[in-house]
Amino acid sequence: MASNKALKVGIIIGTQRVVRVGPQIANFVLNTIRAVNEKASHDTTTPRPPITFDIVDVKTHNLPIFDEPGIPRHIKSADEYANEHTRVWSRCIADLDAFIFISSQRNWGIPAELKNAIDYLYHEWSTKPAMIITYGGHGGHQCAGHLKTVLGSIGVRVVDKTVGMAFPTPEFRDKCFEGQELELDASNDAGPWAEHQSEIVLAWDDLVNKMLVV
């Protein structure tokens, strides 16, 4: 992509449980990236294009179990989908240049609602870069592996580095399960999950590099 083209990155919250912490984690990731991205924007030695972010919440779209009569790979435009909810989802994803998937791990795999949302589309995802951040009792690495396989099958260029954030204490785990405030603060070097911020930044740098490659 041209270096002067403004790029839009979608931060995809991949769970729609009634009680959840996904939005808190998405904001923590976004604030972590914004801090480093702000510094990079002032670096004249390695200039980056303007980058904006959209929070894309699968819960907001609330897609039913796949109900399109057509095969997504055969559909080239949002207008070709049968259902309005699919057309809205298609335009949302088509408008983005890259993705940050943030997902809990559910029974060692991808949450069903995230897999369903991915399966609705094909060309809207294909050829675009993405990074994966998971969380769970052991960090969500199995979910990340499954996601990488699924996204790779539809042509998404997933960065090698994934970030798996494990619950640091039983108390933190219980807060997650109950949807409580986690006190995540990207500016606090000693706060919860602060040790993962450097990993997030490394994966983000790889994602930016992929965005700049045509």
N, C-alpha and C. Protein backbone atom coordinates (compact mmCIF):
# COMPACT_ATOMS: atom_id res chain seq x y z
N MET A 1 0.83 -1.19 0.00
CA MET A 1 0.00 0.00 0.00
C MET A 1 0.87 1.25 0.00
N ALA A 2 0.37 2.31 -0.56
CA ALA A 2 1.12 3.54 -0.59
C ALA A 2 1.32 4.07 0.82
N SER A 3 2.51 4.61 1.08
CA SER A 3 2.85 5.01 2.43
C SER A 3 2.05 6.21 2.91
N ASN A 4 1.44 6.99 1.99
CA ASN A 4 0.68 8.17 2.40
C ASN A 4 -0.81 7.90 2.50
N LYS A 5 -1.24 6.67 2.27
CA LYS A 5 -2.65 6.32 2.34
C LYS A 5 -3.05 6.07 3.79
N ALA A 6 -4.11 6.73 4.22
CA ALA A 6 -4.62 6.48 5.57
C ALA A 6 -5.14 5.04 5.65
N LEU A 7 -4.79 4.35 6.72
CA LEU A 7 -5.18 2.96 6.89
C LEU A 7 -6.13 2.82 8.08
N LYS A 8 -7.06 1.89 7.96
CA LYS A 8 -8.04 1.67 9.02
C LYS A 8 -7.91 0.23 9.53
N VAL A 9 -7.70 0.10 10.83
CA VAL A 9 -7.53 -1.20 11.47
C VAL A 9 -8.75 -1.51 12.33
N GLY A 10 -9.32 -2.68 12.15
CA GLY A 10 -10.45 -3.11 12.96
C GLY A 10 -10.00 -3.97 14.12
N ILE A 11 -10.38 -3.59 15.32
CA ILE A 11 -10.10 -4.39 16.51
C ILE A 11 -11.37 -5.20 16.78
N ILE A 12 -11.30 -6.48 16.51
CA ILE A 12 -12.48 -7.34 16.53
C ILE A 12 -12.61 -8.04 17.87
N ILE A 13 -13.68 -7.72 18.59
CA ILE A 13 -13.98 -8.39 19.86
C ILE A 13 -14.75 -9.66 19.52
N GLY A 14 -14.14 -10.81 19.81
CA GLY A 14 -14.64 -12.07 19.27
C GLY A 14 -15.54 -12.87 20.19
N THR A 15 -16.16 -12.26 21.17
CA THR A 15 -17.08 -13.00 22.03
C THR A 15 -18.30 -12.15 22.31
N GLN A 16 -19.45 -12.79 22.43
CA GLN A 16 -20.66 -12.05 22.75
C GLN A 16 -21.39 -12.66 23.94
N ARG A 17 -20.62 -13.17 24.89
CA ARG A 17 -21.23 -13.64 26.13
C ARG A 17 -22.00 -12.50 26.79
N VAL A 18 -23.04 -12.84 27.52
CA VAL A 18 -23.81 -11.81 28.24
C VAL A 18 -22.92 -11.12 29.25
N VAL A 19 -22.11 -11.91 29.95
CA VAL A 19 -21.13 -11.36 30.91
C VAL A 19 -19.75 -11.55 30.31
N ARG A 20 -19.02 -10.47 30.09
CA ARG A 20 -17.74 -10.59 29.40
C ARG A 20 -16.83 -9.42 29.72
N VAL A 21 -15.57 -9.57 29.34
CA VAL A 21 -14.57 -8.52 29.56
C VAL A 21 -13.88 -8.14 28.25
N GLY A 22 -14.34 -8.67 27.14
CA GLY A 22 -13.73 -8.39 25.85
C GLY A 22 -13.55 -6.91 25.55
N PRO A 23 -14.58 -6.06 25.78
CA PRO A 23 -14.40 -4.64 25.50
C PRO A 23 -13.30 -3.99 26.33
N GLN A 24 -13.16 -4.41 27.60
CA GLN A 24 -12.07 -3.88 28.42
C GLN A 24 -10.71 -4.25 27.83
N ILE A 25 -10.58 -5.49 27.40
CA ILE A 25 -9.31 -5.96 26.85
C ILE A 25 -9.02 -5.26 25.52
N ALA A 26 -10.05 -5.06 24.71
CA ALA A 26 -9.86 -4.35 23.45
C ALA A 26 -9.34 -2.93 23.69
N ASN A 27 -9.88 -2.25 24.69
CA ASN A 27 -9.41 -0.90 25.00
C ASN A 27 -7.98 -0.90 25.52
N PHE A 28 -7.62 -1.92 26.30
CA PHE A 28 -6.25 -2.05 26.79
C PHE A 28 -5.29 -2.24 25.62
N VAL A 29 -5.65 -3.09 24.69
CA VAL A 29 -4.81 -3.32 23.51
C VAL A 29 -4.72 -2.05 22.67
N LEU A 30 -5.86 -1.40 22.45
CA LEU A 30 -5.89 -0.18 21.65
C LEU A 30 -5.02 0.90 22.27
N ASN A 31 -5.11 1.11 23.59
CA ASN A 31 -4.31 2.14 24.24
C ASN A 31 -2.83 1.80 24.20
N THR A 32 -2.50 0.52 24.30
CA THR A 32 -1.10 0.09 24.19
C THR A 32 -0.55 0.43 22.82
N ILE A 33 -1.32 0.14 21.79
CA ILE A 33 -0.88 0.38 20.42
C ILE A 33 -0.85 1.87 20.11
N ARG A 34 -1.85 2.59 20.57
CA ARG A 34 -1.90 4.03 20.30
C ARG A 34 -0.66 4.75 20.85
N ALA A 35 -0.21 4.31 22.02
CA ALA A 35 0.95 4.96 22.63
C ALA A 35 2.19 4.81 21.74
N VAL A 36 2.42 3.60 21.25
CA VAL A 36 3.61 3.37 20.42
C VAL A 36 3.40 3.96 19.03
N ASN A 37 2.14 3.94 18.56
CA ASN A 37 1.87 4.48 17.24
C ASN A 37 2.04 6.00 17.22
N GLU A 38 1.71 6.65 18.31
CA GLU A 38 1.89 8.09 18.41
C GLU A 38 3.37 8.44 18.32
N LYS A 39 4.22 7.67 18.99
CA LYS A 39 5.66 7.90 18.91
C LYS A 39 6.16 7.69 17.48
N ALA A 40 5.68 6.63 16.84
CA ALA A 40 6.14 6.30 15.49
C ALA A 40 5.72 7.38 14.49
N SER A 41 4.59 8.03 14.74
CA SER A 41 4.12 9.05 13.80
C SER A 41 5.04 10.26 13.77
N HIS A 42 5.83 10.44 14.83
CA HIS A 42 6.76 11.57 14.88
C HIS A 42 8.18 11.17 14.46
N ASP A 43 8.36 9.92 14.10
CA ASP A 43 9.68 9.43 13.70
C ASP A 43 9.86 9.64 12.19
N THR A 44 10.65 10.64 11.84
CA THR A 44 10.83 10.97 10.42
C THR A 44 11.76 10.00 9.70
N THR A 45 12.49 9.17 10.45
CA THR A 45 13.41 8.22 9.80
C THR A 45 12.64 7.04 9.21
N THR A 46 11.58 6.62 9.88
CA THR A 46 10.75 5.52 9.36
C THR A 46 9.29 5.96 9.44
N PRO A 47 8.87 6.86 8.55
CA PRO A 47 7.51 7.40 8.61
C PRO A 47 6.45 6.33 8.35
N ARG A 48 5.34 6.47 9.06
CA ARG A 48 4.20 5.58 8.87
C ARG A 48 3.02 6.40 8.35
N PRO A 49 2.14 5.75 7.60
CA PRO A 49 0.93 6.45 7.15
C PRO A 49 -0.01 6.69 8.33
N PRO A 50 -0.96 7.59 8.19
CA PRO A 50 -1.97 7.76 9.25
C PRO A 50 -2.74 6.45 9.45
N ILE A 51 -2.97 6.09 10.71
CA ILE A 51 -3.70 4.86 11.02
C ILE A 51 -4.81 5.18 11.99
N THR A 52 -6.02 4.76 11.65
CA THR A 52 -7.16 4.91 12.56
C THR A 52 -7.64 3.52 12.98
N PHE A 53 -8.44 3.50 14.03
CA PHE A 53 -8.90 2.24 14.60
C PHE A 53 -10.42 2.24 14.76
N ASP A 54 -11.02 1.11 14.47
CA ASP A 54 -12.45 0.89 14.71
C ASP A 54 -12.60 -0.33 15.62
N ILE A 55 -13.39 -0.18 16.68
CA ILE A 55 -13.75 -1.34 17.48
C ILE A 55 -14.91 -2.04 16.78
N VAL A 56 -14.72 -3.31 16.44
CA VAL A 56 -15.76 -4.10 15.76
C VAL A 56 -16.18 -5.23 16.70
N ASP A 57 -17.39 -5.11 17.21
CA ASP A 57 -17.87 -6.04 18.24
C ASP A 57 -18.86 -7.02 17.61
N VAL A 58 -18.53 -8.31 17.64
CA VAL A 58 -19.45 -9.28 17.05
C VAL A 58 -20.79 -9.29 17.78
N LYS A 59 -20.79 -8.87 19.04
CA LYS A 59 -22.04 -8.83 19.79
C LYS A 59 -22.98 -7.78 19.22
N THR A 60 -22.43 -6.66 18.78
CA THR A 60 -23.25 -5.60 18.19
C THR A 60 -23.92 -6.08 16.91
N HIS A 61 -23.19 -6.83 16.11
CA HIS A 61 -23.76 -7.34 14.86
C HIS A 61 -24.71 -8.51 15.10
N ASN A 62 -24.43 -9.30 16.13
CA ASN A 62 -25.35 -10.37 16.55
C ASN A 62 -25.84 -11.20 15.38
N LEU A 63 -24.91 -11.71 14.61
CA LEU A 63 -25.26 -12.49 13.42
C LEU A 63 -25.88 -13.83 13.81
N PRO A 64 -26.96 -14.23 13.13
CA PRO A 64 -27.49 -15.58 13.37
C PRO A 64 -26.52 -16.62 12.83
N ILE A 65 -26.74 -17.86 13.21
CA ILE A 65 -25.94 -18.94 12.61
C ILE A 65 -26.08 -18.82 11.09
N PHE A 66 -24.96 -18.97 10.39
CA PHE A 66 -24.88 -18.68 8.95
C PHE A 66 -26.15 -19.07 8.20
N ASP A 67 -26.78 -18.07 7.57
CA ASP A 67 -28.07 -18.31 6.93
C ASP A 67 -28.13 -17.76 5.51
N GLU A 68 -26.97 -17.63 4.87
CA GLU A 68 -26.93 -17.17 3.48
C GLU A 68 -27.08 -18.36 2.53
N PRO A 69 -27.85 -18.21 1.45
CA PRO A 69 -27.99 -19.30 0.48
C PRO A 69 -26.75 -19.48 -0.40
N GLY A 70 -25.97 -18.41 -0.56
CA GLY A 70 -24.81 -18.48 -1.43
C GLY A 70 -23.54 -18.85 -0.69
N ILE A 71 -22.51 -19.15 -1.47
CA ILE A 71 -21.19 -19.46 -0.92
C ILE A 71 -20.37 -18.17 -0.89
N PRO A 72 -19.88 -17.73 0.27
CA PRO A 72 -19.20 -16.45 0.36
C PRO A 72 -18.08 -16.25 -0.66
N ARG A 73 -17.35 -17.30 -0.97
CA ARG A 73 -16.25 -17.17 -1.91
C ARG A 73 -16.74 -16.75 -3.31
N HIS A 74 -18.00 -17.03 -3.62
CA HIS A 74 -18.56 -16.72 -4.94
C HIS A 74 -19.22 -15.35 -4.97
N ILE A 75 -19.21 -14.65 -3.84
CA ILE A 75 -19.90 -13.36 -3.75
C ILE A 75 -18.87 -12.25 -3.71
N LYS A 76 -18.99 -11.30 -4.62
CA LYS A 76 -17.96 -10.27 -4.77
C LYS A 76 -18.38 -8.90 -4.25
N SER A 77 -19.65 -8.73 -3.91
CA SER A 77 -20.10 -7.42 -3.43
C SER A 77 -21.18 -7.59 -2.38
N ALA A 78 -21.27 -6.61 -1.47
CA ALA A 78 -22.25 -6.70 -0.37
C ALA A 78 -23.67 -6.82 -0.91
N ASP A 79 -23.95 -6.20 -2.05
CA ASP A 79 -25.30 -6.22 -2.60
C ASP A 79 -25.75 -7.62 -3.03
N GLU A 80 -24.80 -8.53 -3.20
CA GLU A 80 -25.15 -9.89 -3.65
C GLU A 80 -25.61 -10.79 -2.51
N TYR A 81 -25.46 -10.35 -1.26
CA TYR A 81 -25.92 -11.19 -0.16
C TYR A 81 -27.44 -11.09 -0.04
N ALA A 82 -28.04 -12.15 0.48
CA ALA A 82 -29.49 -12.22 0.57
C ALA A 82 -30.04 -11.43 1.75
N ASN A 83 -29.27 -11.35 2.84
CA ASN A 83 -29.78 -10.79 4.09
C ASN A 83 -29.12 -9.45 4.43
N GLU A 84 -29.92 -8.56 5.00
CA GLU A 84 -29.41 -7.24 5.34
C GLU A 84 -28.32 -7.31 6.41
N HIS A 85 -28.45 -8.23 7.39
CA HIS A 85 -27.42 -8.32 8.42
C HIS A 85 -26.08 -8.72 7.80
N THR A 86 -26.10 -9.53 6.76
CA THR A 86 -24.86 -9.90 6.08
C THR A 86 -24.30 -8.72 5.30
N ARG A 87 -25.17 -7.97 4.65
CA ARG A 87 -24.70 -6.81 3.88
C ARG A 87 -24.05 -5.78 4.81
N VAL A 88 -24.62 -5.57 5.99
CA VAL A 88 -24.03 -4.63 6.96
C VAL A 88 -22.67 -5.14 7.41
N TRP A 89 -22.58 -6.42 7.72
CA TRP A 89 -21.32 -7.02 8.17
C TRP A 89 -20.27 -6.97 7.07
N SER A 90 -20.69 -7.25 5.84
CA SER A 90 -19.78 -7.21 4.70
C SER A 90 -19.17 -5.82 4.53
N ARG A 91 -20.00 -4.80 4.58
CA ARG A 91 -19.49 -3.43 4.38
C ARG A 91 -18.57 -3.02 5.51
N CYS A 92 -18.89 -3.45 6.73
CA CYS A 92 -18.03 -3.15 7.88
C CYS A 92 -16.63 -3.71 7.68
N ILE A 93 -16.52 -4.97 7.31
CA ILE A 93 -15.23 -5.62 7.17
C ILE A 93 -14.51 -5.16 5.91
N ALA A 94 -15.25 -4.95 4.83
CA ALA A 94 -14.63 -4.50 3.58
C ALA A 94 -13.97 -3.13 3.74
N ASP A 95 -14.47 -2.33 4.66
CA ASP A 95 -13.96 -0.97 4.86
C ASP A 95 -12.63 -0.94 5.62
N LEU A 96 -12.20 -2.09 6.12
CA LEU A 96 -10.99 -2.15 6.95
C LEU A 96 -9.81 -2.66 6.14
N ASP A 97 -8.61 -2.19 6.52
CA ASP A 97 -7.38 -2.59 5.83
C ASP A 97 -6.65 -3.71 6.54
N ALA A 98 -6.92 -3.90 7.83
CA ALA A 98 -6.24 -4.92 8.63
C ALA A 98 -7.06 -5.18 9.88
N PHE A 99 -6.70 -6.26 10.58
CA PHE A 99 -7.51 -6.68 11.72
C PHE A 99 -6.64 -7.07 12.91
N ILE A 100 -7.16 -6.76 14.10
CA ILE A 100 -6.61 -7.30 15.35
C ILE A 100 -7.73 -8.11 15.98
N PHE A 101 -7.56 -9.43 15.98
CA PHE A 101 -8.56 -10.31 16.58
C PHE A 101 -8.26 -10.48 18.06
N ILE A 102 -9.25 -10.19 18.89
CA ILE A 102 -9.12 -10.37 20.33
C ILE A 102 -10.18 -11.36 20.76
N SER A 103 -9.73 -12.49 21.30
CA SER A 103 -10.69 -13.55 21.59
C SER A 103 -10.33 -14.31 22.85
N SER A 104 -11.36 -14.65 23.60
CA SER A 104 -11.18 -15.62 24.67
C SER A 104 -11.03 -17.00 24.06
N GLN A 105 -10.55 -17.93 24.87
CA GLN A 105 -10.50 -19.33 24.43
C GLN A 105 -11.67 -20.06 25.07
N ARG A 106 -12.43 -20.79 24.26
CA ARG A 106 -13.59 -21.50 24.78
C ARG A 106 -13.43 -22.99 24.50
N ASN A 107 -13.29 -23.77 25.55
CA ASN A 107 -13.12 -25.22 25.40
C ASN A 107 -12.00 -25.56 24.42
N TRP A 108 -10.87 -24.88 24.59
CA TRP A 108 -9.66 -25.09 23.79
C TRP A 108 -9.81 -24.65 22.34
N GLY A 109 -10.80 -23.83 22.03
CA GLY A 109 -10.99 -23.44 20.64
C GLY A 109 -11.53 -22.04 20.48
N ILE A 110 -12.02 -21.76 19.27
CA ILE A 110 -12.56 -20.46 18.91
C ILE A 110 -14.00 -20.34 19.39
N PRO A 111 -14.39 -19.23 20.00
CA PRO A 111 -15.81 -19.04 20.32
C PRO A 111 -16.67 -19.19 19.07
N ALA A 112 -17.79 -19.86 19.21
CA ALA A 112 -18.64 -20.17 18.06
C ALA A 112 -19.07 -18.91 17.32
N GLU A 113 -19.36 -17.83 18.06
CA GLU A 113 -19.84 -16.61 17.42
C GLU A 113 -18.76 -15.96 16.55
N LEU A 114 -17.50 -16.08 16.96
CA LEU A 114 -16.41 -15.53 16.15
C LEU A 114 -16.21 -16.37 14.88
N LYS A 115 -16.20 -17.68 15.02
CA LYS A 115 -16.07 -18.55 13.85
C LYS A 115 -17.21 -18.29 12.87
N ASN A 116 -18.42 -18.15 13.40
CA ASN A 116 -19.58 -17.88 12.56
C ASN A 116 -19.43 -16.55 11.81
N ALA A 117 -18.96 -15.52 12.51
CA ALA A 117 -18.79 -14.19 11.89
C ALA A 117 -17.74 -14.24 10.78
N ILE A 118 -16.68 -14.99 11.01
CA ILE A 118 -15.65 -15.14 9.97
C ILE A 118 -16.22 -15.86 8.76
N ASP A 119 -16.97 -16.93 9.00
CA ASP A 119 -17.47 -17.77 7.91
C ASP A 119 -18.49 -17.07 7.02
N TYR A 120 -19.09 -15.99 7.48
CA TYR A 120 -20.07 -15.27 6.68
C TYR A 120 -19.46 -14.66 5.42
N LEU A 121 -18.16 -14.35 5.45
CA LEU A 121 -17.53 -13.59 4.39
C LEU A 121 -16.31 -14.32 3.84
N TYR A 122 -15.82 -13.84 2.73
CA TYR A 122 -14.57 -14.36 2.17
C TYR A 122 -13.71 -13.23 1.62
N HIS A 123 -14.14 -12.60 0.55
CA HIS A 123 -13.31 -11.58 -0.12
C HIS A 123 -13.07 -10.37 0.78
N GLU A 124 -13.98 -10.10 1.69
CA GLU A 124 -13.81 -8.96 2.59
C GLU A 124 -12.62 -9.16 3.53
N TRP A 125 -12.29 -10.42 3.81
CA TRP A 125 -11.13 -10.75 4.66
C TRP A 125 -9.86 -10.97 3.83
N SER A 126 -10.03 -11.59 2.69
CA SER A 126 -8.91 -12.16 1.94
C SER A 126 -7.87 -11.12 1.55
N THR A 127 -6.62 -11.51 1.68
CA THR A 127 -5.39 -10.77 1.34
C THR A 127 -5.03 -9.70 2.38
N LYS A 128 -5.90 -9.45 3.34
CA LYS A 128 -5.60 -8.42 4.34
C LYS A 128 -4.81 -9.02 5.51
N PRO A 129 -3.96 -8.22 6.16
CA PRO A 129 -3.17 -8.73 7.28
C PRO A 129 -3.94 -8.69 8.59
N ALA A 130 -3.50 -9.53 9.52
CA ALA A 130 -4.15 -9.59 10.83
C ALA A 130 -3.15 -10.05 11.89
N MET A 131 -3.46 -9.70 13.13
CA MET A 131 -2.74 -10.24 14.28
C MET A 131 -3.77 -10.80 15.26
N ILE A 132 -3.31 -11.70 16.13
CA ILE A 132 -4.22 -12.42 17.02
C ILE A 132 -3.77 -12.25 18.46
N ILE A 133 -4.71 -11.86 19.33
CA ILE A 133 -4.48 -11.77 20.77
C ILE A 133 -5.57 -12.60 21.45
N THR A 134 -5.16 -13.54 22.29
CA THR A 134 -6.12 -14.38 22.99
C THR A 134 -5.90 -14.28 24.49
N TYR A 135 -6.91 -14.70 25.24
CA TYR A 135 -6.80 -14.70 26.69
C TYR A 135 -7.61 -15.87 27.25
N GLY A 136 -7.20 -16.33 28.43
CA GLY A 136 -7.88 -17.46 29.05
C GLY A 136 -7.05 -18.00 30.19
N GLY A 137 -7.49 -19.11 30.75
CA GLY A 137 -6.80 -19.69 31.89
C GLY A 137 -5.35 -20.00 31.61
N HIS A 138 -5.04 -20.42 30.37
CA HIS A 138 -3.66 -20.72 29.98
C HIS A 138 -3.19 -19.82 28.85
N GLY A 139 -3.92 -18.76 28.59
CA GLY A 139 -3.49 -17.80 27.57
C GLY A 139 -4.20 -17.91 26.24
N GLY A 140 -4.89 -19.01 26.01
CA GLY A 140 -5.66 -19.12 24.77
C GLY A 140 -4.87 -19.52 23.55
N HIS A 141 -3.75 -20.22 23.74
CA HIS A 141 -2.88 -20.53 22.60
C HIS A 141 -3.53 -21.50 21.61
N GLN A 142 -4.37 -22.41 22.10
CA GLN A 142 -5.06 -23.32 21.18
C GLN A 142 -6.04 -22.55 20.30
N CYS A 143 -6.74 -21.60 20.89
CA CYS A 143 -7.64 -20.75 20.12
C CYS A 143 -6.85 -19.98 19.06
N ALA A 144 -5.70 -19.44 19.43
CA ALA A 144 -4.88 -18.68 18.48
C ALA A 144 -4.45 -19.57 17.32
N GLY A 145 -4.07 -20.81 17.63
CA GLY A 145 -3.68 -21.73 16.57
C GLY A 145 -4.82 -22.04 15.62
N HIS A 146 -6.00 -22.28 16.18
CA HIS A 146 -7.17 -22.55 15.35
C HIS A 146 -7.51 -21.34 14.49
N LEU A 147 -7.46 -20.16 15.11
CA LEU A 147 -7.77 -18.93 14.37
C LEU A 147 -6.80 -18.72 13.22
N LYS A 148 -5.53 -18.97 13.48
CA LYS A 148 -4.52 -18.79 12.43
C LYS A 148 -4.82 -19.72 11.25
N THR A 149 -5.22 -20.95 11.54
CA THR A 149 -5.55 -21.90 10.48
C THR A 149 -6.77 -21.45 9.69
N VAL A 150 -7.82 -21.05 10.39
CA VAL A 150 -9.06 -20.62 9.74
C VAL A 150 -8.82 -19.38 8.88
N LEU A 151 -8.15 -18.39 9.45
CA LEU A 151 -7.90 -17.15 8.71
C LEU A 151 -6.98 -17.39 7.51
N GLY A 152 -5.99 -18.25 7.70
CA GLY A 152 -5.10 -18.56 6.59
C GLY A 152 -5.82 -19.22 5.44
N SER A 153 -6.85 -20.00 5.76
CA SER A 153 -7.59 -20.71 4.71
C SER A 153 -8.39 -19.76 3.82
N ILE A 154 -8.68 -18.55 4.31
CA ILE A 154 -9.42 -17.59 3.49
C ILE A 154 -8.53 -16.44 3.04
N GLY A 155 -7.22 -16.66 3.11
CA GLY A 155 -6.28 -15.72 2.51
C GLY A 155 -5.86 -14.57 3.38
N VAL A 156 -6.19 -14.59 4.67
CA VAL A 156 -5.74 -13.54 5.57
C VAL A 156 -4.25 -13.76 5.87
N ARG A 157 -3.49 -12.68 5.83
CA ARG A 157 -2.05 -12.76 6.07
C ARG A 157 -1.77 -12.51 7.55
N VAL A 158 -1.80 -13.59 8.33
CA VAL A 158 -1.65 -13.48 9.78
C VAL A 158 -0.17 -13.38 10.14
N VAL A 159 0.15 -12.43 11.02
CA VAL A 159 1.54 -12.30 11.46
C VAL A 159 1.92 -13.52 12.30
N ASP A 160 3.19 -13.86 12.30
CA ASP A 160 3.64 -15.05 13.01
C ASP A 160 3.43 -14.93 14.52
N LYS A 161 3.69 -13.74 15.05
CA LYS A 161 3.63 -13.52 16.49
C LYS A 161 2.19 -13.44 16.97
N THR A 162 1.80 -14.32 17.89
CA THR A 162 0.52 -14.21 18.56
C THR A 162 0.77 -13.88 20.03
N VAL A 163 -0.22 -13.31 20.67
CA VAL A 163 -0.10 -12.93 22.08
C VAL A 163 -1.16 -13.68 22.87
N GLY A 164 -0.72 -14.48 23.85
CA GLY A 164 -1.64 -15.22 24.70
C GLY A 164 -1.52 -14.75 26.14
N MET A 165 -2.60 -14.17 26.65
CA MET A 165 -2.57 -13.58 27.99
C MET A 165 -3.33 -14.47 28.97
N ALA A 166 -2.58 -15.08 29.88
CA ALA A 166 -3.18 -15.97 30.88
C ALA A 166 -3.65 -15.17 32.09
N PHE A 167 -4.71 -15.65 32.73
CA PHE A 167 -5.18 -15.00 33.94
C PHE A 167 -4.07 -15.08 34.99
N PRO A 168 -3.60 -13.96 35.53
CA PRO A 168 -2.44 -14.00 36.43
C PRO A 168 -2.75 -14.59 37.81
N THR A 169 -3.99 -14.48 38.27
CA THR A 169 -4.35 -15.00 39.59
C THR A 169 -5.77 -15.58 39.53
N PRO A 170 -6.12 -16.43 40.49
CA PRO A 170 -7.51 -16.92 40.54
C PRO A 170 -8.51 -15.78 40.71
N GLU A 171 -8.12 -14.75 41.46
CA GLU A 171 -9.01 -13.61 41.68
C GLU A 171 -9.29 -12.88 40.36
N PHE A 172 -8.24 -12.71 39.56
CA PHE A 172 -8.39 -12.05 38.26
C PHE A 172 -9.27 -12.91 37.35
N ARG A 173 -9.06 -14.21 37.40
CA ARG A 173 -9.90 -15.13 36.60
C ARG A 173 -11.37 -14.98 36.97
N ASP A 174 -11.65 -14.92 38.27
CA ASP A 174 -13.04 -14.80 38.71
C ASP A 174 -13.65 -13.48 38.26
N LYS A 175 -12.86 -12.42 38.28
CA LYS A 175 -13.35 -11.13 37.79
C LYS A 175 -13.72 -11.22 36.31
N CYS A 176 -12.88 -11.93 35.54
CA CYS A 176 -13.16 -12.11 34.12
C CYS A 176 -14.47 -12.87 33.93
N PHE A 177 -14.63 -13.95 34.65
CA PHE A 177 -15.81 -14.78 34.50
C PHE A 177 -17.09 -14.02 34.89
N GLU A 178 -16.94 -13.06 35.81
CA GLU A 178 -18.10 -12.31 36.30
C GLU A 178 -18.28 -10.97 35.60
N GLY A 179 -17.38 -10.66 34.65
CA GLY A 179 -17.48 -9.41 33.91
C GLY A 179 -17.20 -8.17 34.73
N GLN A 180 -16.37 -8.31 35.75
CA GLN A 180 -16.04 -7.18 36.62
C GLN A 180 -14.97 -6.28 35.99
N GLU A 181 -14.76 -5.13 36.61
CA GLU A 181 -13.70 -4.22 36.19
C GLU A 181 -12.34 -4.85 36.48
N LEU A 182 -11.47 -4.91 35.44
CA LEU A 182 -10.17 -5.57 35.57
C LEU A 182 -9.04 -4.61 35.89
N GLU A 183 -9.32 -3.31 35.86
CA GLU A 183 -8.31 -2.29 36.15
C GLU A 183 -7.12 -2.40 35.20
N LEU A 184 -7.41 -2.65 33.93
CA LEU A 184 -6.36 -2.70 32.92
C LEU A 184 -5.97 -1.27 32.56
N ASP A 185 -4.68 -0.99 32.59
CA ASP A 185 -4.20 0.37 32.36
C ASP A 185 -2.91 0.30 31.54
N ALA A 186 -2.99 0.70 30.29
CA ALA A 186 -1.84 0.62 29.40
C ALA A 186 -0.69 1.52 29.83
N SER A 187 -0.97 2.49 30.69
CA SER A 187 0.08 3.40 31.15
C SER A 187 0.74 2.94 32.44
N ASN A 188 0.25 1.85 33.01
CA ASN A 188 0.78 1.34 34.28
C ASN A 188 1.68 0.14 34.01
N ASP A 189 2.99 0.33 34.17
CA ASP A 189 3.94 -0.74 33.88
C ASP A 189 3.87 -1.89 34.86
N ALA A 190 3.16 -1.70 35.97
CA ALA A 190 3.05 -2.76 36.97
C ALA A 190 1.63 -3.30 37.07
N GLY A 191 0.77 -2.89 36.17
CA GLY A 191 -0.62 -3.31 36.23
C GLY A 191 -0.85 -4.68 35.63
N PRO A 192 -2.10 -5.17 35.71
CA PRO A 192 -2.42 -6.49 35.14
C PRO A 192 -2.08 -6.54 33.65
N TRP A 193 -1.41 -7.60 33.27
CA TRP A 193 -1.04 -7.89 31.89
C TRP A 193 -0.05 -6.88 31.29
N ALA A 194 0.56 -6.06 32.15
CA ALA A 194 1.57 -5.11 31.64
C ALA A 194 2.72 -5.85 30.98
N GLU A 195 3.01 -7.06 31.44
CA GLU A 195 4.13 -7.83 30.89
C GLU A 195 3.88 -8.24 29.44
N HIS A 196 2.64 -8.18 28.99
CA HIS A 196 2.32 -8.57 27.61
C HIS A 196 2.37 -7.40 26.63
N GLN A 197 2.54 -6.20 27.15
CA GLN A 197 2.48 -5.04 26.26
C GLN A 197 3.61 -5.04 25.23
N SER A 198 4.78 -5.48 25.62
CA SER A 198 5.88 -5.54 24.66
C SER A 198 5.58 -6.54 23.55
N GLU A 199 4.91 -7.66 23.90
CA GLU A 199 4.52 -8.64 22.88
C GLU A 199 3.48 -8.05 21.93
N ILE A 200 2.54 -7.30 22.48
CA ILE A 200 1.52 -6.65 21.65
C ILE A 200 2.18 -5.70 20.67
N VAL A 201 3.15 -4.94 21.15
CA VAL A 201 3.83 -3.98 20.30
C VAL A 201 4.63 -4.67 19.20
N LEU A 202 5.29 -5.78 19.52
CA LEU A 202 6.05 -6.53 18.51
C LEU A 202 5.11 -7.05 17.41
N ALA A 203 3.97 -7.62 17.84
CA ALA A 203 3.01 -8.12 16.85
C ALA A 203 2.44 -6.97 16.03
N TRP A 204 2.21 -5.84 16.67
CA TRP A 204 1.69 -4.67 15.97
C TRP A 204 2.69 -4.18 14.92
N ASP A 205 3.96 -4.13 15.27
CA ASP A 205 4.98 -3.72 14.30
C ASP A 205 4.97 -4.64 13.08
N ASP A 206 4.83 -5.93 13.32
CA ASP A 206 4.75 -6.88 12.20
C ASP A 206 3.50 -6.63 11.36
N LEU A 207 2.39 -6.30 12.02
CA LEU A 207 1.16 -6.03 11.30
C LEU A 207 1.30 -4.78 10.42
N VAL A 208 1.92 -3.73 10.97
CA VAL A 208 2.13 -2.51 10.20
C VAL A 208 2.97 -2.81 8.97
N ASN A 209 4.02 -3.60 9.15
CA ASN A 209 4.88 -3.95 8.02
C ASN A 209 4.09 -4.69 6.94
N LYS A 210 3.20 -5.58 7.36
CA LYS A 210 2.37 -6.29 6.38
C LYS A 210 1.38 -5.34 5.69
N MET A 211 0.87 -4.36 6.42
CA MET A 211 -0.04 -3.40 5.81
C MET A 211 0.64 -2.58 4.72
N LEU A 212 1.94 -2.36 4.88
CA LEU A 212 2.66 -1.51 3.94
C LEU A 212 3.15 -2.29 2.72
N VAL A 213 2.94 -3.60 2.72
CA VAL A 213 3.33 -4.43 1.58
C VAL A 213 2.10 -4.67 0.72
N VAL A 214 2.19 -4.34 -0.54
CA VAL A 214 1.06 -4.52 -1.45
C VAL A 214 0.80 -6.00 -1.67
